[in-house]
Amino acid sequence: MDKHWLYSFLEKAFEEDAGPGDHSSLAVIPVDAYGQARLIIKEAGVVAGIEVAGEVFRFLEPEIRMEVFLKDGT
């Protein structure tokens, strides 16, 4: 994966779509808020894009921790 290309693409995409941010969220969620998420799959399928998803998360939050239990193609 070409991270330089991906980060350049993400920068442009977020500038276009997100602008200065979601004003409602910015008004009520503290800047230093911490959260976590878990993706739960209820039906059979094939997982794809985990490496790219990780890079998108790191683009937005360089200190993010991501624990992956499956490999792409699983």
N, C-alpha and C. Protein backbone atom coordinates (compact mmCIF):
# COMPACT_ATOMS: atom_id res chain seq x y z
N MET A 1 0.85 -1.18 0.00
CA MET A 1 0.00 0.00 0.00
C MET A 1 0.89 1.24 0.00
N ASP A 2 0.55 2.19 -0.82
CA ASP A 2 1.27 3.46 -0.89
C ASP A 2 0.65 4.43 0.11
N LYS A 3 1.24 4.51 1.31
CA LYS A 3 0.67 5.34 2.38
C LYS A 3 0.67 6.82 2.01
N HIS A 4 1.70 7.27 1.27
CA HIS A 4 1.74 8.68 0.88
C HIS A 4 0.53 9.02 0.01
N TRP A 5 0.24 8.16 -0.97
CA TRP A 5 -0.92 8.38 -1.84
C TRP A 5 -2.20 8.34 -1.02
N LEU A 6 -2.33 7.32 -0.16
CA LEU A 6 -3.54 7.17 0.65
C LEU A 6 -3.77 8.38 1.53
N TYR A 7 -2.74 8.85 2.22
CA TYR A 7 -2.90 10.00 3.11
C TYR A 7 -3.23 11.27 2.33
N SER A 8 -2.66 11.42 1.14
CA SER A 8 -2.99 12.56 0.29
C SER A 8 -4.46 12.49 -0.12
N PHE A 9 -4.90 11.30 -0.50
CA PHE A 9 -6.31 11.09 -0.87
C PHE A 9 -7.22 11.38 0.31
N LEU A 10 -6.89 10.86 1.49
CA LEU A 10 -7.72 11.07 2.68
C LEU A 10 -7.80 12.54 3.05
N GLU A 11 -6.68 13.22 2.94
CA GLU A 11 -6.66 14.65 3.27
C GLU A 11 -7.66 15.41 2.38
N LYS A 12 -7.63 15.12 1.10
CA LYS A 12 -8.55 15.79 0.17
C LYS A 12 -9.99 15.37 0.43
N ALA A 13 -10.22 14.10 0.68
CA ALA A 13 -11.58 13.60 0.92
C ALA A 13 -12.18 14.23 2.17
N PHE A 14 -11.41 14.29 3.26
CA PHE A 14 -11.94 14.86 4.49
C PHE A 14 -12.13 16.36 4.39
N GLU A 15 -11.26 17.04 3.63
CA GLU A 15 -11.45 18.48 3.42
C GLU A 15 -12.77 18.73 2.72
N GLU A 16 -13.06 17.91 1.72
CA GLU A 16 -14.27 18.10 0.93
C GLU A 16 -15.52 17.72 1.71
N ASP A 17 -15.49 16.57 2.39
CA ASP A 17 -16.69 16.05 3.03
C ASP A 17 -16.91 16.55 4.45
N ALA A 18 -15.85 16.68 5.22
CA ALA A 18 -16.02 17.01 6.63
C ALA A 18 -15.92 18.50 6.90
N GLY A 19 -15.19 19.21 6.08
CA GLY A 19 -15.01 20.64 6.32
C GLY A 19 -14.46 20.87 7.71
N PRO A 20 -14.99 21.84 8.43
CA PRO A 20 -14.48 22.13 9.77
C PRO A 20 -14.95 21.13 10.83
N GLY A 21 -15.81 20.20 10.46
CA GLY A 21 -16.28 19.20 11.42
C GLY A 21 -17.78 19.29 11.65
N ASP A 22 -18.29 18.34 12.38
CA ASP A 22 -19.71 18.31 12.72
C ASP A 22 -19.91 19.22 13.93
N HIS A 23 -20.59 20.32 13.72
CA HIS A 23 -20.71 21.34 14.77
C HIS A 23 -21.46 20.83 16.00
N SER A 24 -22.44 19.97 15.81
CA SER A 24 -23.17 19.42 16.97
C SER A 24 -22.23 18.57 17.83
N SER A 25 -21.47 17.69 17.19
CA SER A 25 -20.53 16.84 17.94
C SER A 25 -19.46 17.69 18.61
N LEU A 26 -18.94 18.66 17.88
CA LEU A 26 -17.89 19.52 18.44
C LEU A 26 -18.40 20.29 19.67
N ALA A 27 -19.69 20.61 19.69
CA ALA A 27 -20.27 21.38 20.79
C ALA A 27 -20.48 20.54 22.05
N VAL A 28 -20.68 19.22 21.90
CA VAL A 28 -21.04 18.43 23.07
C VAL A 28 -20.03 17.35 23.46
N ILE A 29 -19.09 17.03 22.60
CA ILE A 29 -18.10 16.00 22.92
C ILE A 29 -16.77 16.67 23.22
N PRO A 30 -16.24 16.49 24.42
CA PRO A 30 -14.96 17.12 24.78
C PRO A 30 -13.84 16.64 23.85
N VAL A 31 -12.90 17.53 23.59
CA VAL A 31 -11.77 17.22 22.70
C VAL A 31 -10.99 16.01 23.19
N ASP A 32 -10.89 15.85 24.50
CA ASP A 32 -10.09 14.75 25.06
C ASP A 32 -10.93 13.51 25.38
N ALA A 33 -12.14 13.43 24.83
CA ALA A 33 -13.01 12.27 25.08
C ALA A 33 -12.36 11.00 24.53
N TYR A 34 -12.59 9.90 25.23
CA TYR A 34 -12.06 8.60 24.85
C TYR A 34 -13.23 7.66 24.57
N GLY A 35 -13.09 6.85 23.58
CA GLY A 35 -14.16 5.90 23.27
C GLY A 35 -13.58 4.63 22.68
N GLN A 36 -14.44 3.66 22.50
CA GLN A 36 -14.01 2.43 21.86
C GLN A 36 -15.17 1.87 21.06
N ALA A 37 -14.86 1.00 20.13
CA ALA A 37 -15.90 0.39 19.29
C ALA A 37 -15.57 -1.07 19.08
N ARG A 38 -16.60 -1.83 18.83
CA ARG A 38 -16.43 -3.25 18.51
C ARG A 38 -17.35 -3.53 17.33
N LEU A 39 -16.80 -4.14 16.30
CA LEU A 39 -17.58 -4.51 15.14
C LEU A 39 -18.04 -5.95 15.32
N ILE A 40 -19.34 -6.13 15.35
CA ILE A 40 -19.91 -7.46 15.55
C ILE A 40 -20.64 -7.87 14.27
N ILE A 41 -20.23 -8.98 13.71
CA ILE A 41 -20.81 -9.48 12.47
C ILE A 41 -21.79 -10.60 12.79
N LYS A 42 -22.99 -10.53 12.25
CA LYS A 42 -24.03 -11.50 12.58
C LYS A 42 -24.25 -12.55 11.49
N GLU A 43 -23.65 -12.39 10.34
CA GLU A 43 -23.82 -13.36 9.26
C GLU A 43 -22.47 -13.66 8.63
N ALA A 44 -22.40 -14.79 7.95
CA ALA A 44 -21.16 -15.19 7.28
C ALA A 44 -20.80 -14.17 6.19
N GLY A 45 -19.52 -13.99 5.98
CA GLY A 45 -19.06 -13.08 4.95
C GLY A 45 -17.55 -13.14 4.87
N VAL A 46 -16.97 -12.25 4.08
CA VAL A 46 -15.53 -12.16 3.92
C VAL A 46 -15.11 -10.76 4.36
N VAL A 47 -14.13 -10.68 5.23
CA VAL A 47 -13.65 -9.39 5.70
C VAL A 47 -12.59 -8.87 4.71
N ALA A 48 -12.67 -7.59 4.41
CA ALA A 48 -11.73 -6.99 3.47
C ALA A 48 -11.48 -5.53 3.86
N GLY A 49 -10.29 -5.05 3.63
CA GLY A 49 -9.97 -3.65 3.86
C GLY A 49 -9.48 -3.31 5.25
N ILE A 50 -9.07 -4.30 6.02
CA ILE A 50 -8.64 -4.03 7.39
C ILE A 50 -7.41 -3.13 7.42
N GLU A 51 -6.44 -3.39 6.56
CA GLU A 51 -5.22 -2.57 6.55
C GLU A 51 -5.55 -1.12 6.18
N VAL A 52 -6.40 -0.94 5.18
CA VAL A 52 -6.78 0.42 4.78
C VAL A 52 -7.58 1.10 5.89
N ALA A 53 -8.49 0.37 6.52
CA ALA A 53 -9.27 0.94 7.63
C ALA A 53 -8.35 1.42 8.74
N GLY A 54 -7.34 0.62 9.07
CA GLY A 54 -6.38 1.03 10.10
C GLY A 54 -5.68 2.31 9.74
N GLU A 55 -5.30 2.45 8.48
CA GLU A 55 -4.62 3.68 8.04
C GLU A 55 -5.56 4.89 8.08
N VAL A 56 -6.83 4.68 7.76
CA VAL A 56 -7.80 5.78 7.84
C VAL A 56 -7.93 6.23 9.30
N PHE A 57 -8.05 5.27 10.22
CA PHE A 57 -8.14 5.61 11.64
C PHE A 57 -6.89 6.35 12.11
N ARG A 58 -5.71 5.86 11.69
CA ARG A 58 -4.45 6.52 12.08
C ARG A 58 -4.32 7.91 11.47
N PHE A 59 -4.88 8.10 10.28
CA PHE A 59 -4.87 9.43 9.66
C PHE A 59 -5.61 10.42 10.54
N LEU A 60 -6.75 9.98 11.07
CA LEU A 60 -7.57 10.84 11.91
C LEU A 60 -7.04 10.95 13.34
N GLU A 61 -6.47 9.86 13.84
CA GLU A 61 -5.97 9.83 15.22
C GLU A 61 -4.71 8.97 15.26
N PRO A 62 -3.53 9.60 15.14
CA PRO A 62 -2.28 8.85 15.07
C PRO A 62 -2.01 7.93 16.26
N GLU A 63 -2.57 8.22 17.42
CA GLU A 63 -2.31 7.42 18.62
C GLU A 63 -3.32 6.28 18.81
N ILE A 64 -4.18 6.07 17.83
CA ILE A 64 -5.23 5.05 17.97
C ILE A 64 -4.62 3.66 18.15
N ARG A 65 -5.31 2.83 18.91
CA ARG A 65 -4.94 1.42 19.06
C ARG A 65 -6.02 0.59 18.40
N MET A 66 -5.60 -0.37 17.61
CA MET A 66 -6.56 -1.21 16.89
C MET A 66 -6.12 -2.66 17.07
N GLU A 67 -7.02 -3.47 17.60
CA GLU A 67 -6.75 -4.88 17.80
C GLU A 67 -7.55 -5.66 16.75
N VAL A 68 -6.84 -6.36 15.89
CA VAL A 68 -7.48 -7.08 14.77
C VAL A 68 -7.42 -8.59 15.07
N PHE A 69 -8.56 -9.24 14.91
CA PHE A 69 -8.65 -10.67 15.19
C PHE A 69 -8.69 -11.53 13.93
N LEU A 70 -8.95 -10.91 12.79
CA LEU A 70 -9.04 -11.63 11.53
C LEU A 70 -8.18 -10.96 10.46
N LYS A 71 -7.73 -11.73 9.50
CA LYS A 71 -6.97 -11.18 8.38
C LYS A 71 -7.90 -10.94 7.21
N ASP A 72 -7.52 -10.00 6.31
CA ASP A 72 -8.27 -9.81 5.08
C ASP A 72 -8.45 -11.14 4.37
N GLY A 73 -9.63 -11.35 3.84
CA GLY A 73 -9.91 -12.58 3.12
C GLY A 73 -10.50 -13.68 3.98
N THR A 74 -10.52 -13.47 5.28
CA THR A 74 -11.07 -14.48 6.19
C THR A 74 -12.58 -14.50 6.10
